[in-house]
PDB file of N, CA and C in Angstrom:
ATOM      1  N   MET A   1      21.010  -2.235  17.319  1.00  0.00           N
ATOM      2  CA  MET A   1      21.338  -3.160  16.341  1.00  0.00           C
ATOM      3  C   MET A   1      21.186  -2.651  14.877  1.00  0.00           C
ATOM      4  N   VAL A   2      22.036  -3.100  13.915  1.00  0.00           N
ATOM      5  CA  VAL A   2      21.676  -2.849  12.430  1.00  0.00           C
ATOM      6  C   VAL A   2      21.392  -3.793  11.555  1.00  0.00           C
ATOM      7  N   TRP A   3      20.578  -4.039  10.850  1.00  0.00           N
ATOM      8  CA  TRP A   3      20.814  -4.902   9.864  1.00  0.00           C
ATOM      9  C   TRP A   3      20.277  -4.952   8.458  1.00  0.00           C
ATOM     10  N   TYR A   4      21.242  -5.243   7.809  1.00  0.00           N
ATOM     11  CA  TYR A   4      20.896  -5.177   6.066  1.00  0.00           C
ATOM     12  C   TYR A   4      20.793  -6.012   5.919  1.00  0.00           C
ATOM     13  N   LYS A   5      20.059  -6.091   4.331  1.00  0.00           N
ATOM     14  CA  LYS A   5      19.876  -7.504   3.705  1.00  0.00           C
ATOM     15  C   LYS A   5      19.215  -7.183   2.554  1.00  0.00           C
ATOM     16  N   GLY A   6      19.973  -7.575   0.923  1.00  0.00           N
ATOM     17  CA  GLY A   6      19.769  -7.157  -0.054  1.00  0.00           C
ATOM     18  C   GLY A   6      19.206  -8.070  -0.816  1.00  0.00           C
ATOM     19  N   PHE A   7      18.253  -8.196  -1.881  1.00  0.00           N
ATOM     20  CA  PHE A   7      17.321  -9.266  -2.336  1.00  0.00           C
ATOM     21  C   PHE A   7      17.233  -8.366  -3.804  1.00  0.00           C
ATOM     22  N   LEU A   8      16.779  -9.377  -4.755  1.00  0.00           N
ATOM     23  CA  LEU A   8      16.055  -9.087  -6.374  1.00  0.00           C
ATOM     24  C   LEU A   8      14.497  -8.805  -5.704  1.00  0.00           C
ATOM     25  N   TYR A   9      13.894  -7.577  -6.493  1.00  0.00           N
ATOM     26  CA  TYR A   9      12.271  -7.416  -6.289  1.00  0.00           C
ATOM     27  C   TYR A   9      11.849  -6.586  -7.985  1.00  0.00           C
ATOM     28  N   GLN A  10      10.716  -7.476  -8.290  1.00  0.00           N
ATOM     29  CA  GLN A  10      10.636  -6.763  -9.632  1.00  0.00           C
ATOM     30  C   GLN A  10       8.959  -6.350  -9.430  1.00  0.00           C
ATOM     31  N   ALA A  11       8.113  -4.909  -8.862  1.00  0.00           N
ATOM     32  CA  ALA A  11       7.373  -4.365  -8.856  1.00  0.00           C
ATOM     33  C   ALA A  11       6.352  -4.656 -10.452  1.00  0.00           C
ATOM     34  N   GLY A  12       4.541  -5.123 -10.091  1.00  0.00           N
ATOM     35  CA  GLY A  12       4.194  -5.051 -11.057  1.00  0.00           C
ATOM     36  C   GLY A  12       4.240  -4.416 -12.348  1.00  0.00           C
ATOM     37  N   SER A  13       4.649  -2.944 -11.908  1.00  0.00           N
ATOM     38  CA  SER A  13       4.891  -2.227 -12.798  1.00  0.00           C
ATOM     39  C   SER A  13       6.916  -1.823 -13.460  1.00  0.00           C
ATOM     40  N   TRP A  14       7.480  -2.693 -12.736  1.00  0.00           N
ATOM     41  CA  TRP A  14       8.729  -2.466 -13.127  1.00  0.00           C
ATOM     42  C   TRP A  14       8.872  -3.574 -14.635  1.00  0.00           C
ATOM     43  N   LYS A  15       9.931  -3.216 -15.762  1.00  0.00           N
ATOM     44  CA  LYS A  15      10.177  -4.262 -16.301  1.00  0.00           C
ATOM     45  C   LYS A  15      11.107  -5.240 -16.102  1.00  0.00           C
ATOM     46  N   THR A  16      12.239  -4.628 -15.229  1.00  0.00           N
ATOM     47  CA  THR A  16      12.826  -6.141 -14.573  1.00  0.00           C
ATOM     48  C   THR A  16      13.192  -5.371 -13.374  1.00  0.00           C
ATOM     49  N   ALA A  17      13.657  -6.867 -12.787  1.00  0.00           N
ATOM     50  CA  ALA A  17      14.067  -6.812 -11.517  1.00  0.00           C
ATOM     51  C   ALA A  17      15.065  -5.468 -10.969  1.00  0.00           C
ATOM     52  N   ARG A  18      15.131  -5.154  -9.895  1.00  0.00           N
ATOM     53  CA  ARG A  18      15.981  -3.961  -9.368  1.00  0.00           C
ATOM     54  C   ARG A  18      16.811  -4.319  -7.744  1.00  0.00           C
ATOM     55  N   HIS A  19      17.703  -4.355  -7.810  1.00  0.00           N
ATOM     56  CA  HIS A  19      18.489  -4.710  -6.264  1.00  0.00           C
ATOM     57  C   HIS A  19      17.443  -3.576  -5.188  1.00  0.00           C
ATOM     58  N   VAL A  20      17.782  -4.103  -4.458  1.00  0.00           N
ATOM     59  CA  VAL A  20      16.794  -3.784  -2.931  1.00  0.00           C
ATOM     60  C   VAL A  20      17.645  -3.662  -2.137  1.00  0.00           C
ATOM     61  N   VAL A  21      17.970  -2.834  -0.845  1.00  0.00           N
ATOM     62  CA  VAL A  21      18.535  -3.067   0.463  1.00  0.00           C
ATOM     63  C   VAL A  21      17.756  -2.524   1.056  1.00  0.00           C
ATOM     64  N   ALA A  22      17.565  -3.472   2.544  1.00  0.00           N
ATOM     65  CA  ALA A  22      16.631  -2.906   3.488  1.00  0.00           C
ATOM     66  C   ALA A  22      17.930  -3.044   4.412  1.00  0.00           C
ATOM     67  N   LYS A  23      17.116  -2.144   5.298  1.00  0.00           N
ATOM     68  CA  LYS A  23      18.221  -1.048   6.663  1.00  0.00           C
ATOM     69  C   LYS A  23      17.152  -1.580   7.599  1.00  0.00           C
ATOM     70  N   VAL A  24      16.999  -2.372   8.603  1.00  0.00           N
ATOM     71  CA  VAL A  24      16.334  -2.339   9.890  1.00  0.00           C
ATOM     72  C   VAL A  24      17.350  -1.815  11.045  1.00  0.00           C
ATOM     73  N   GLU A  25      16.617  -0.826  12.300  1.00  0.00           N
ATOM     74  CA  GLU A  25      17.375  -0.601  13.358  1.00  0.00           C
ATOM     75  C   GLU A  25      16.348  -0.819  14.498  1.00  0.00           C
ATOM     76  N   HIS A  26      16.883  -1.695  14.913  1.00  0.00           N
ATOM     77  CA  HIS A  26      16.299  -1.515  16.852  1.00  0.00           C
ATOM     78  C   HIS A  26      17.294  -0.313  17.430  1.00  0.00           C
ATOM     79  N   HIS A  27      16.705   0.117  18.496  1.00  0.00           N
ATOM     80  CA  HIS A  27      17.147   1.056  19.186  1.00  0.00           C
ATOM     81  C   HIS A  27      16.331   0.647  20.449  1.00  0.00           C
ATOM     82  N   ALA A  28      17.139   0.980  21.281  1.00  0.00           N
ATOM     83  CA  ALA A  28      16.650   0.491  23.113  1.00  0.00           C
ATOM     84  C   ALA A  28      15.872   1.356  23.168  1.00  0.00           C
ATOM     85  N   GLY A  29      14.741   0.829  24.256  1.00  0.00           N
ATOM     86  CA  GLY A  29      13.109   1.805  24.694  1.00  0.00           C
ATOM     87  C   GLY A  29      12.447   1.820  23.477  1.00  0.00           C
ATOM     88  N   GLU A  30      12.746   1.440  22.436  1.00  0.00           N
ATOM     89  CA  GLU A  30      12.101   1.967  21.058  1.00  0.00           C
ATOM     90  C   GLU A  30      11.077   0.516  21.313  1.00  0.00           C
ATOM     91  N   LEU A  31       9.895   0.595  20.890  1.00  0.00           N
ATOM     92  CA  LEU A  31       8.732  -0.704  20.779  1.00  0.00           C
ATOM     93  C   LEU A  31       8.899  -1.409  18.762  1.00  0.00           C
ATOM     94  N   PHE A  32       8.808  -0.275  18.158  1.00  0.00           N
ATOM     95  CA  PHE A  32       9.355  -0.630  16.899  1.00  0.00           C
ATOM     96  C   PHE A  32      10.140  -0.489  16.222  1.00  0.00           C
ATOM     97  N   PRO A  33      10.784  -1.428  15.241  1.00  0.00           N
ATOM     98  CA  PRO A  33      12.442  -1.137  14.597  1.00  0.00           C
ATOM     99  C   PRO A  33      12.344   0.316  13.117  1.00  0.00           C
ATOM    100  N   ARG A  34      12.779   0.774  13.256  1.00  0.00           N
ATOM    101  CA  ARG A  34      13.165   2.087  12.313  1.00  0.00           C
ATOM    102  C   ARG A  34      13.366   1.201  10.568  1.00  0.00           C
ATOM    103  N   LEU A  35      12.652   1.063   9.800  1.00  0.00           N
ATOM    104  CA  LEU A  35      13.054   0.602   8.449  1.00  0.00           C
ATOM    105  C   LEU A  35      13.273   1.415   6.905  1.00  0.00           C
ATOM    106  N   GLY A  36      14.166   0.905   6.432  1.00  0.00           N
ATOM    107  CA  GLY A  36      14.552   1.956   5.242  1.00  0.00           C
ATOM    108  C   GLY A  36      15.287   0.897   4.299  1.00  0.00           C
ATOM    109  N   PHE A  37      14.595   1.195   3.294  1.00  0.00           N
ATOM    110  CA  PHE A  37      14.257   0.806   1.582  1.00  0.00           C
ATOM    111  C   PHE A  37      15.138   1.789   0.703  1.00  0.00           C
ATOM    112  N   ILE A  38      15.867   0.815   0.085  1.00  0.00           N
ATOM    113  CA  ILE A  38      16.548   1.897  -1.385  1.00  0.00           C
ATOM    114  C   ILE A  38      16.575   0.828  -2.675  1.00  0.00           C
ATOM    115  N   ALA A  39      16.972   0.946  -3.298  1.00  0.00           N
ATOM    116  CA  ALA A  39      16.079   0.521  -5.114  1.00  0.00           C
ATOM    117  C   ALA A  39      16.833   1.077  -5.885  1.00  0.00           C
ATOM    118  N   SER A  40      17.657   0.088  -6.310  1.00  0.00           N
ATOM    119  CA  SER A  40      18.739   0.906  -7.434  1.00  0.00           C
ATOM    120  C   SER A  40      17.767   1.068  -8.947  1.00  0.00           C
ATOM    121  N   SER A  41      18.210   1.350  -9.808  1.00  0.00           N
ATOM    122  CA  SER A  41      18.214   1.534 -11.189  1.00  0.00           C
ATOM    123  C   SER A  41      18.766   0.484 -11.738  1.00  0.00           C
ATOM    124  N   THR A  42      19.895  -0.328 -11.469  1.00  0.00           N
ATOM    125  CA  THR A  42      20.840  -1.155 -11.722  1.00  0.00           C
ATOM    126  C   THR A  42      20.375  -2.565 -11.791  1.00  0.00           C
ATOM    127  N   SER A  43      20.393  -3.656 -12.507  1.00  0.00           N
ATOM    128  CA  SER A  43      20.595  -4.860 -12.434  1.00  0.00           C
ATOM    129  C   SER A  43      21.246  -5.835 -12.195  1.00  0.00           C
TER     130      SER A  43
END
């Protein structure tokens, strides 16, 4: 099972908020999900 979620995030060191996409993958037989994040430079 794979889930994607997009949201805006602004770290303390960033001047503007960024679009971030998170990917969560659940694989059969694995205890913990695999996580991935992508932050774009466009707002």
